[in-house]
Amino acid sequence: MLNADPDHNGIYREKVAAERDEEFVVFHIGMRINAFWKLHRWLPVLLVAPRMLRELLTDSESGLLGSRTVLGPGIRNIGFVQYWDSFESLREYARDGDQSHYPAWQEYYRNGTKDDAAVGIRHETYLVTDGEYETVYNNMPAHGLAACDDTDIVPATGHRKTATGRIDSR
C-alpha cells in the first residue's frame, strides 16, 4: 500500500485517509465540571485521568492503540478519544483492580461524587468490526486513527476522495 509522506513538520500536505485492516474500538471518555466551587469533587476525577493514560501508554499489551485529549465546548468539558484493539481489552483494563481506573471508579460511587452532580462523567464505545468507517485529514499531522500503530496513511484520491467512496471501498 502506498503511504503518503509528511513534510519536515509532520504535516501531510495532501488530502489523506487512514486505513486499518484489523477491527478496532473507538472510545470517548470524559468529564464535565458542573460546580467549579466543589473542587474536592471534580479535582480527583480530573487528576486520575493522566495517571490512567500513562499506565496504558507504558504497557504495550494494554490494547490501547492511541489517545487524544479533547477540550470543550467551554472549559467545563475534558475528555479523551481513544482507539483500542478490542472491546475485551478495554473492558479488561476498566475492571482490573491493579490498575488506576477500577479503584477510581469505585471511589466515585463510594464517596458520594456521583450523587452530588458537581462533576459528570461520560463514555461512549463504538465497535468497528465490519470495516465501516471513514477518515479524512487535510493539512494535518497524523491524528486520531491515522496516528495509531498498524494504520496506513494513504492519499485520499480516486475512490478515497469522498466520504461515501472511503466507506464503500472498505
N, C-alpha and C. Protein backbone atom coordinates (compact mmCIF):
# COMPACT_ATOMS: atom_id res chain seq x y z
N MET A 1 0.84 -1.18 0.00
CA MET A 1 0.00 0.00 0.00
C MET A 1 0.89 1.24 0.00
N LEU A 2 0.58 2.18 -0.84
CA LEU A 2 1.34 3.42 -0.94
C LEU A 2 1.01 4.31 0.25
N ASN A 3 2.00 4.67 1.04
CA ASN A 3 1.80 5.60 2.15
C ASN A 3 2.17 7.00 1.71
N ALA A 4 1.44 7.98 2.24
CA ALA A 4 1.74 9.38 1.99
C ALA A 4 2.94 9.77 2.85
N ASP A 5 3.62 10.84 2.46
CA ASP A 5 4.79 11.29 3.22
C ASP A 5 4.53 12.66 3.83
N PRO A 6 4.81 12.79 5.14
CA PRO A 6 4.66 14.11 5.78
C PRO A 6 5.85 15.00 5.46
N ASP A 7 5.66 16.32 5.60
CA ASP A 7 6.78 17.23 5.43
C ASP A 7 7.64 17.22 6.71
N HIS A 8 8.62 18.09 6.78
CA HIS A 8 9.54 18.08 7.93
C HIS A 8 8.87 18.43 9.26
N ASN A 9 7.67 19.00 9.22
CA ASN A 9 6.91 19.31 10.44
C ASN A 9 5.91 18.21 10.80
N GLY A 10 5.92 17.14 10.02
CA GLY A 10 4.96 16.06 10.26
C GLY A 10 3.59 16.30 9.66
N ILE A 11 3.46 17.34 8.86
CA ILE A 11 2.18 17.71 8.24
C ILE A 11 2.06 17.00 6.89
N TYR A 12 0.92 16.35 6.66
CA TYR A 12 0.63 15.77 5.36
C TYR A 12 0.03 16.88 4.51
N ARG A 13 0.75 17.32 3.46
CA ARG A 13 0.34 18.46 2.66
C ARG A 13 -0.63 18.07 1.55
N GLU A 14 -1.14 16.88 1.64
CA GLU A 14 -2.15 16.42 0.69
C GLU A 14 -3.32 15.86 1.50
N LYS A 15 -4.42 15.68 0.85
CA LYS A 15 -5.59 15.07 1.48
C LYS A 15 -5.30 13.58 1.62
N VAL A 16 -5.36 13.08 2.87
CA VAL A 16 -5.03 11.68 3.13
C VAL A 16 -6.14 11.03 3.95
N ALA A 17 -6.10 9.70 4.02
CA ALA A 17 -7.06 8.92 4.79
C ALA A 17 -6.29 7.87 5.59
N ALA A 18 -6.92 7.37 6.66
CA ALA A 18 -6.34 6.29 7.47
C ALA A 18 -7.01 4.99 7.08
N GLU A 19 -6.23 3.95 6.92
CA GLU A 19 -6.78 2.63 6.61
C GLU A 19 -6.19 1.62 7.57
N ARG A 20 -7.04 0.80 8.11
CA ARG A 20 -6.65 -0.21 9.11
C ARG A 20 -7.34 -1.51 8.76
N ASP A 21 -6.58 -2.59 8.67
CA ASP A 21 -7.14 -3.89 8.33
C ASP A 21 -7.81 -4.57 9.51
N GLU A 22 -7.26 -4.39 10.71
CA GLU A 22 -7.81 -5.06 11.89
C GLU A 22 -8.99 -4.28 12.45
N GLU A 23 -9.89 -4.98 13.13
CA GLU A 23 -11.00 -4.31 13.80
C GLU A 23 -10.44 -3.45 14.93
N PHE A 24 -11.24 -2.48 15.37
CA PHE A 24 -10.82 -1.62 16.47
C PHE A 24 -12.04 -1.05 17.15
N VAL A 25 -11.81 -0.43 18.28
CA VAL A 25 -12.87 0.18 19.09
C VAL A 25 -12.52 1.65 19.27
N VAL A 26 -13.50 2.53 19.10
CA VAL A 26 -13.34 3.95 19.38
C VAL A 26 -14.06 4.22 20.70
N PHE A 27 -13.35 4.79 21.64
CA PHE A 27 -13.87 5.02 22.98
C PHE A 27 -13.74 6.49 23.32
N HIS A 28 -14.86 7.14 23.59
CA HIS A 28 -14.87 8.54 24.04
C HIS A 28 -15.14 8.52 25.53
N ILE A 29 -14.29 9.15 26.31
CA ILE A 29 -14.48 9.21 27.75
C ILE A 29 -14.15 10.62 28.21
N GLY A 30 -14.91 11.11 29.18
CA GLY A 30 -14.63 12.46 29.66
C GLY A 30 -15.45 12.84 30.86
N MET A 31 -15.25 14.07 31.27
CA MET A 31 -15.93 14.62 32.44
C MET A 31 -16.40 16.03 32.13
N ARG A 32 -17.40 16.47 32.89
CA ARG A 32 -17.91 17.83 32.80
C ARG A 32 -17.97 18.40 34.21
N ILE A 33 -17.31 19.52 34.43
CA ILE A 33 -17.36 20.19 35.73
C ILE A 33 -18.65 20.99 35.79
N ASN A 34 -19.54 20.60 36.71
CA ASN A 34 -20.82 21.28 36.86
C ASN A 34 -20.82 22.31 37.98
N ALA A 35 -19.93 22.16 38.95
CA ALA A 35 -19.85 23.09 40.09
C ALA A 35 -18.37 23.36 40.37
N PHE A 36 -17.84 24.44 39.79
CA PHE A 36 -16.43 24.76 39.94
C PHE A 36 -16.02 24.91 41.41
N TRP A 37 -16.89 25.40 42.24
CA TRP A 37 -16.57 25.64 43.65
C TRP A 37 -16.44 24.35 44.45
N LYS A 38 -16.86 23.22 43.90
CA LYS A 38 -16.74 21.93 44.60
C LYS A 38 -15.49 21.19 44.11
N LEU A 39 -14.38 21.85 44.29
CA LEU A 39 -13.09 21.34 43.86
C LEU A 39 -12.82 19.93 44.39
N HIS A 40 -13.22 19.65 45.61
CA HIS A 40 -12.98 18.34 46.23
C HIS A 40 -13.72 17.21 45.50
N ARG A 41 -14.72 17.54 44.70
CA ARG A 41 -15.46 16.52 43.95
C ARG A 41 -14.86 16.27 42.57
N TRP A 42 -14.53 17.34 41.82
CA TRP A 42 -14.10 17.14 40.46
C TRP A 42 -12.59 17.02 40.28
N LEU A 43 -11.80 17.60 41.18
CA LEU A 43 -10.36 17.54 41.02
C LEU A 43 -9.81 16.10 41.06
N PRO A 44 -10.27 15.24 41.98
CA PRO A 44 -9.78 13.85 41.95
C PRO A 44 -10.09 13.14 40.63
N VAL A 45 -11.25 13.41 40.04
CA VAL A 45 -11.61 12.80 38.76
C VAL A 45 -10.67 13.31 37.67
N LEU A 46 -10.39 14.60 37.70
CA LEU A 46 -9.50 15.20 36.71
C LEU A 46 -8.07 14.67 36.84
N LEU A 47 -7.59 14.52 38.05
CA LEU A 47 -6.20 14.12 38.27
C LEU A 47 -5.92 12.65 38.00
N VAL A 48 -6.93 11.80 38.09
CA VAL A 48 -6.68 10.37 37.84
C VAL A 48 -6.53 10.08 36.35
N ALA A 49 -7.10 10.90 35.49
CA ALA A 49 -7.05 10.64 34.05
C ALA A 49 -5.62 10.57 33.51
N PRO A 50 -4.74 11.52 33.82
CA PRO A 50 -3.37 11.39 33.30
C PRO A 50 -2.64 10.15 33.82
N ARG A 51 -2.92 9.75 35.05
CA ARG A 51 -2.29 8.53 35.59
C ARG A 51 -2.74 7.31 34.80
N MET A 52 -4.03 7.24 34.51
CA MET A 52 -4.56 6.12 33.73
C MET A 52 -3.91 6.08 32.35
N LEU A 53 -3.85 7.23 31.72
CA LEU A 53 -3.27 7.29 30.38
C LEU A 53 -1.80 6.89 30.40
N ARG A 54 -1.04 7.36 31.38
CA ARG A 54 0.38 6.98 31.48
C ARG A 54 0.55 5.47 31.63
N GLU A 55 -0.27 4.86 32.50
CA GLU A 55 -0.11 3.42 32.71
C GLU A 55 -0.49 2.64 31.45
N LEU A 56 -1.47 3.12 30.71
CA LEU A 56 -1.85 2.45 29.46
C LEU A 56 -0.77 2.60 28.39
N LEU A 57 -0.22 3.80 28.27
CA LEU A 57 0.79 4.04 27.23
C LEU A 57 2.10 3.33 27.51
N THR A 58 2.39 3.03 28.77
CA THR A 58 3.64 2.33 29.09
C THR A 58 3.48 0.81 29.05
N ASP A 59 2.26 0.33 28.85
CA ASP A 59 2.00 -1.11 28.78
C ASP A 59 1.64 -1.47 27.34
N SER A 60 2.60 -1.99 26.61
CA SER A 60 2.36 -2.30 25.19
C SER A 60 1.32 -3.40 24.99
N GLU A 61 0.98 -4.12 26.03
CA GLU A 61 -0.03 -5.18 25.95
C GLU A 61 -1.42 -4.71 26.38
N SER A 62 -1.59 -3.43 26.70
CA SER A 62 -2.87 -2.93 27.22
C SER A 62 -4.00 -3.00 26.20
N GLY A 63 -3.66 -2.90 24.93
CA GLY A 63 -4.68 -2.85 23.90
C GLY A 63 -5.00 -1.44 23.43
N LEU A 64 -4.47 -0.43 24.13
CA LEU A 64 -4.68 0.95 23.70
C LEU A 64 -3.81 1.22 22.48
N LEU A 65 -4.44 1.66 21.39
CA LEU A 65 -3.72 1.96 20.15
C LEU A 65 -3.29 3.42 20.09
N GLY A 66 -4.11 4.30 20.65
CA GLY A 66 -3.81 5.72 20.63
C GLY A 66 -4.85 6.49 21.42
N SER A 67 -4.48 7.70 21.86
CA SER A 67 -5.39 8.52 22.66
C SER A 67 -5.13 9.99 22.36
N ARG A 68 -6.21 10.76 22.29
CA ARG A 68 -6.12 12.20 22.05
C ARG A 68 -6.97 12.92 23.09
N THR A 69 -6.43 13.98 23.66
CA THR A 69 -7.17 14.80 24.63
C THR A 69 -8.09 15.74 23.88
N VAL A 70 -9.30 15.90 24.40
CA VAL A 70 -10.30 16.77 23.79
C VAL A 70 -10.79 17.75 24.85
N LEU A 71 -10.78 19.03 24.54
CA LEU A 71 -11.28 20.06 25.45
C LEU A 71 -12.47 20.75 24.82
N GLY A 72 -13.48 21.07 25.64
CA GLY A 72 -14.59 21.86 25.19
C GLY A 72 -15.82 21.04 24.89
N PRO A 73 -16.93 21.66 24.60
CA PRO A 73 -17.05 23.11 24.49
C PRO A 73 -16.90 23.79 25.85
N GLY A 74 -16.29 24.95 25.83
CA GLY A 74 -16.02 25.67 27.06
C GLY A 74 -14.94 24.99 27.88
N ILE A 75 -14.69 25.50 29.07
CA ILE A 75 -13.64 24.94 29.92
C ILE A 75 -14.18 23.86 30.85
N ARG A 76 -15.45 23.59 30.80
CA ARG A 76 -16.05 22.59 31.69
C ARG A 76 -15.82 21.15 31.25
N ASN A 77 -15.59 20.94 29.98
CA ASN A 77 -15.53 19.59 29.40
C ASN A 77 -14.11 19.18 29.04
N ILE A 78 -13.71 18.04 29.57
CA ILE A 78 -12.38 17.49 29.32
C ILE A 78 -12.57 16.01 29.01
N GLY A 79 -11.91 15.55 27.95
CA GLY A 79 -12.09 14.14 27.62
C GLY A 79 -10.98 13.60 26.76
N PHE A 80 -11.18 12.36 26.36
CA PHE A 80 -10.22 11.66 25.51
C PHE A 80 -10.99 10.90 24.43
N VAL A 81 -10.41 10.85 23.25
CA VAL A 81 -10.85 9.93 22.22
C VAL A 81 -9.75 8.89 22.15
N GLN A 82 -10.14 7.65 22.37
CA GLN A 82 -9.16 6.57 22.39
C GLN A 82 -9.50 5.51 21.36
N TYR A 83 -8.47 4.86 20.88
CA TYR A 83 -8.60 3.76 19.93
C TYR A 83 -8.02 2.51 20.61
N TRP A 84 -8.80 1.44 20.65
CA TRP A 84 -8.42 0.19 21.29
C TRP A 84 -8.43 -0.93 20.29
N ASP A 85 -7.64 -1.97 20.55
CA ASP A 85 -7.61 -3.10 19.63
C ASP A 85 -8.85 -3.98 19.76
N SER A 86 -9.56 -3.92 20.90
CA SER A 86 -10.78 -4.72 21.07
C SER A 86 -11.57 -4.22 22.27
N PHE A 87 -12.86 -4.54 22.28
CA PHE A 87 -13.69 -4.21 23.44
C PHE A 87 -13.22 -5.00 24.66
N GLU A 88 -12.76 -6.22 24.43
CA GLU A 88 -12.28 -7.04 25.54
C GLU A 88 -11.10 -6.39 26.24
N SER A 89 -10.16 -5.81 25.50
CA SER A 89 -9.02 -5.12 26.11
C SER A 89 -9.48 -3.93 26.93
N LEU A 90 -10.41 -3.16 26.37
CA LEU A 90 -10.94 -2.00 27.08
C LEU A 90 -11.63 -2.43 28.37
N ARG A 91 -12.49 -3.43 28.31
CA ARG A 91 -13.21 -3.92 29.48
C ARG A 91 -12.25 -4.50 30.52
N GLU A 92 -11.26 -5.24 30.06
CA GLU A 92 -10.28 -5.83 30.98
C GLU A 92 -9.56 -4.75 31.77
N TYR A 93 -9.14 -3.68 31.08
CA TYR A 93 -8.48 -2.57 31.78
C TYR A 93 -9.44 -1.92 32.78
N ALA A 94 -10.66 -1.65 32.36
CA ALA A 94 -11.62 -0.94 33.21
C ALA A 94 -11.91 -1.69 34.50
N ARG A 95 -11.85 -3.01 34.47
CA ARG A 95 -12.21 -3.82 35.64
C ARG A 95 -11.02 -4.39 36.40
N ASP A 96 -9.83 -4.02 36.01
CA ASP A 96 -8.62 -4.55 36.66
C ASP A 96 -8.32 -3.76 37.93
N GLY A 97 -8.48 -4.39 39.07
CA GLY A 97 -8.25 -3.75 40.37
C GLY A 97 -6.82 -3.33 40.61
N ASP A 98 -5.87 -3.83 39.83
CA ASP A 98 -4.47 -3.45 39.98
C ASP A 98 -4.10 -2.24 39.14
N GLN A 99 -5.04 -1.74 38.36
CA GLN A 99 -4.81 -0.55 37.53
C GLN A 99 -5.55 0.63 38.14
N SER A 100 -5.32 1.83 37.64
CA SER A 100 -5.87 3.06 38.24
C SER A 100 -7.37 3.23 38.06
N HIS A 101 -7.94 2.73 36.96
CA HIS A 101 -9.33 3.02 36.67
C HIS A 101 -10.30 2.42 37.69
N TYR A 102 -10.17 1.14 37.96
CA TYR A 102 -11.17 0.47 38.80
C TYR A 102 -11.28 1.10 40.20
N PRO A 103 -10.17 1.34 40.91
CA PRO A 103 -10.30 1.99 42.22
C PRO A 103 -10.92 3.40 42.12
N ALA A 104 -10.58 4.15 41.08
CA ALA A 104 -11.16 5.49 40.92
C ALA A 104 -12.66 5.40 40.65
N TRP A 105 -13.06 4.44 39.86
CA TRP A 105 -14.47 4.20 39.54
C TRP A 105 -15.23 3.87 40.82
N GLN A 106 -14.68 2.98 41.62
CA GLN A 106 -15.33 2.60 42.88
C GLN A 106 -15.42 3.78 43.84
N GLU A 107 -14.36 4.58 43.91
CA GLU A 107 -14.35 5.75 44.80
C GLU A 107 -15.40 6.78 44.37
N TYR A 108 -15.58 6.96 43.08
CA TYR A 108 -16.58 7.88 42.55
C TYR A 108 -17.97 7.52 43.09
N TYR A 109 -18.27 6.24 43.16
CA TYR A 109 -19.56 5.79 43.68
C TYR A 109 -19.61 5.75 45.21
N ARG A 110 -18.49 5.39 45.82
CA ARG A 110 -18.46 5.23 47.27
C ARG A 110 -18.50 6.57 48.03
N ASN A 111 -17.82 7.58 47.53
CA ASN A 111 -17.70 8.83 48.29
C ASN A 111 -18.83 9.84 48.03
N GLY A 112 -19.81 9.47 47.24
CA GLY A 112 -20.96 10.35 47.01
C GLY A 112 -20.81 11.30 45.84
N THR A 113 -19.69 11.25 45.12
CA THR A 113 -19.49 12.17 44.00
C THR A 113 -20.58 11.99 42.95
N LYS A 114 -20.98 10.77 42.67
CA LYS A 114 -21.99 10.54 41.63
C LYS A 114 -23.34 11.14 42.01
N ASP A 115 -23.64 11.21 43.31
CA ASP A 115 -24.92 11.76 43.77
C ASP A 115 -24.90 13.27 43.91
N ASP A 116 -23.73 13.85 43.97
CA ASP A 116 -23.56 15.28 44.19
C ASP A 116 -23.85 16.10 42.93
N ALA A 117 -23.55 15.58 41.79
CA ALA A 117 -23.71 16.23 40.48
C ALA A 117 -22.75 17.39 40.25
N ALA A 118 -21.69 17.50 41.07
CA ALA A 118 -20.69 18.54 40.87
C ALA A 118 -19.83 18.24 39.64
N VAL A 119 -19.74 16.95 39.31
CA VAL A 119 -18.98 16.53 38.14
C VAL A 119 -19.76 15.42 37.44
N GLY A 120 -19.83 15.53 36.14
CA GLY A 120 -20.46 14.49 35.35
C GLY A 120 -19.39 13.69 34.63
N ILE A 121 -19.66 12.43 34.38
CA ILE A 121 -18.75 11.60 33.60
C ILE A 121 -19.51 11.00 32.43
N ARG A 122 -18.77 10.68 31.38
CA ARG A 122 -19.41 10.12 30.19
C ARG A 122 -18.45 9.17 29.51
N HIS A 123 -19.01 8.21 28.82
CA HIS A 123 -18.22 7.45 27.86
C HIS A 123 -19.13 6.85 26.81
N GLU A 124 -18.56 6.69 25.64
CA GLU A 124 -19.24 6.09 24.51
C GLU A 124 -18.25 5.11 23.87
N THR A 125 -18.75 3.95 23.51
CA THR A 125 -17.90 2.92 22.92
C THR A 125 -18.47 2.52 21.56
N TYR A 126 -17.63 2.57 20.55
CA TYR A 126 -18.05 2.21 19.20
C TYR A 126 -17.16 1.06 18.71
N LEU A 127 -17.78 -0.08 18.41
CA LEU A 127 -17.05 -1.23 17.91
C LEU A 127 -17.04 -1.19 16.39
N VAL A 128 -15.86 -1.15 15.82
CA VAL A 128 -15.71 -1.11 14.38
C VAL A 128 -15.21 -2.50 13.97
N THR A 129 -16.17 -3.38 13.68
CA THR A 129 -15.81 -4.76 13.40
C THR A 129 -16.09 -5.17 11.96
N ASP A 130 -16.89 -4.40 11.24
CA ASP A 130 -17.23 -4.80 9.87
C ASP A 130 -16.57 -3.90 8.83
N GLY A 131 -15.60 -3.12 9.24
CA GLY A 131 -14.87 -2.29 8.30
C GLY A 131 -15.58 -1.02 7.90
N GLU A 132 -16.70 -0.66 8.53
CA GLU A 132 -17.46 0.52 8.16
C GLU A 132 -16.97 1.74 8.94
N TYR A 133 -16.10 2.49 8.34
CA TYR A 133 -15.62 3.74 8.91
C TYR A 133 -14.99 4.53 7.78
N GLU A 134 -14.78 5.81 8.03
CA GLU A 134 -14.05 6.61 7.06
C GLU A 134 -13.33 7.72 7.80
N THR A 135 -12.24 8.17 7.23
CA THR A 135 -11.46 9.26 7.81
C THR A 135 -10.96 10.15 6.68
N VAL A 136 -10.70 11.39 7.01
CA VAL A 136 -10.02 12.27 6.06
C VAL A 136 -9.28 13.34 6.87
N TYR A 137 -8.12 13.73 6.37
CA TYR A 137 -7.29 14.74 7.01
C TYR A 137 -6.69 15.59 5.90
N ASN A 138 -6.64 16.89 6.11
CA ASN A 138 -6.06 17.78 5.12
C ASN A 138 -5.21 18.82 5.84
N ASN A 139 -3.95 18.93 5.45
CA ASN A 139 -3.01 19.84 6.10
C ASN A 139 -2.92 19.58 7.60
N MET A 140 -2.81 18.31 7.96
CA MET A 140 -2.76 17.87 9.35
C MET A 140 -1.58 16.93 9.55
N PRO A 141 -1.03 16.90 10.76
CA PRO A 141 -0.13 15.80 11.08
C PRO A 141 -0.98 14.55 11.33
N ALA A 142 -0.35 13.42 11.51
CA ALA A 142 -1.10 12.20 11.83
C ALA A 142 -1.93 12.46 13.07
N HIS A 143 -3.21 12.16 13.01
CA HIS A 143 -4.14 12.49 14.09
C HIS A 143 -5.20 11.40 14.17
N GLY A 144 -5.74 11.19 15.36
CA GLY A 144 -6.81 10.22 15.52
C GLY A 144 -6.37 8.84 15.09
N LEU A 145 -7.21 8.16 14.33
CA LEU A 145 -6.90 6.81 13.87
C LEU A 145 -5.61 6.79 13.05
N ALA A 146 -5.35 7.84 12.30
CA ALA A 146 -4.14 7.89 11.47
C ALA A 146 -2.87 7.86 12.30
N ALA A 147 -2.93 8.26 13.57
CA ALA A 147 -1.76 8.27 14.44
C ALA A 147 -1.58 6.96 15.20
N CYS A 148 -2.45 6.00 15.00
CA CYS A 148 -2.37 4.72 15.72
C CYS A 148 -1.44 3.75 15.02
N ASP A 149 -0.83 2.88 15.81
CA ASP A 149 0.02 1.83 15.26
C ASP A 149 -0.78 0.97 14.29
N ASP A 150 -0.10 0.41 13.32
CA ASP A 150 -0.67 -0.51 12.34
C ASP A 150 -1.78 0.12 11.49
N THR A 151 -1.71 1.43 11.30
CA THR A 151 -2.65 2.14 10.44
C THR A 151 -1.87 2.78 9.30
N ASP A 152 -2.34 2.59 8.08
CA ASP A 152 -1.70 3.19 6.91
C ASP A 152 -2.30 4.56 6.64
N ILE A 153 -1.47 5.48 6.22
CA ILE A 153 -1.93 6.80 5.78
C ILE A 153 -1.75 6.83 4.27
N VAL A 154 -2.84 7.02 3.58
CA VAL A 154 -2.84 6.92 2.12
C VAL A 154 -3.47 8.17 1.51
N PRO A 155 -3.08 8.52 0.28
CA PRO A 155 -3.70 9.67 -0.37
C PRO A 155 -5.21 9.48 -0.51
N ALA A 156 -5.96 10.53 -0.24
CA ALA A 156 -7.42 10.49 -0.37
C ALA A 156 -7.80 10.92 -1.79
N THR A 157 -7.43 10.08 -2.72
CA THR A 157 -7.70 10.32 -4.13
C THR A 157 -8.49 9.15 -4.68
N GLY A 158 -8.95 9.29 -5.90
CA GLY A 158 -9.73 8.21 -6.52
C GLY A 158 -10.95 7.89 -5.68
N HIS A 159 -11.15 6.61 -5.36
CA HIS A 159 -12.33 6.22 -4.58
C HIS A 159 -12.28 6.78 -3.14
N ARG A 160 -11.11 7.22 -2.69
CA ARG A 160 -10.99 7.78 -1.34
C ARG A 160 -11.27 9.29 -1.29
N LYS A 161 -11.67 9.88 -2.42
CA LYS A 161 -11.86 11.33 -2.48
C LYS A 161 -13.06 11.80 -1.67
N THR A 162 -14.11 10.98 -1.54
CA THR A 162 -15.31 11.37 -0.80
C THR A 162 -15.56 10.42 0.37
N ALA A 163 -16.34 10.86 1.34
CA ALA A 163 -16.67 10.01 2.49
C ALA A 163 -17.38 8.74 2.03
N THR A 164 -18.31 8.88 1.09
CA THR A 164 -19.03 7.70 0.58
C THR A 164 -18.06 6.74 -0.08
N GLY A 165 -17.14 7.26 -0.86
CA GLY A 165 -16.17 6.41 -1.52
C GLY A 165 -15.25 5.71 -0.53
N ARG A 166 -14.86 6.41 0.53
CA ARG A 166 -13.98 5.79 1.53
C ARG A 166 -14.71 4.68 2.28
N ILE A 167 -15.99 4.87 2.57
CA ILE A 167 -16.76 3.82 3.26
C ILE A 167 -17.03 2.66 2.31
N ASP A 168 -17.46 2.96 1.10
CA ASP A 168 -17.80 1.89 0.14
C ASP A 168 -16.59 1.06 -0.25
N SER A 169 -15.39 1.63 -0.17
CA SER A 169 -14.19 0.89 -0.58
C SER A 169 -13.71 -0.06 0.51
N ARG A 170 -14.23 0.03 1.70
CA ARG A 170 -13.80 -0.85 2.80
C ARG A 170 -14.37 -2.18 2.56
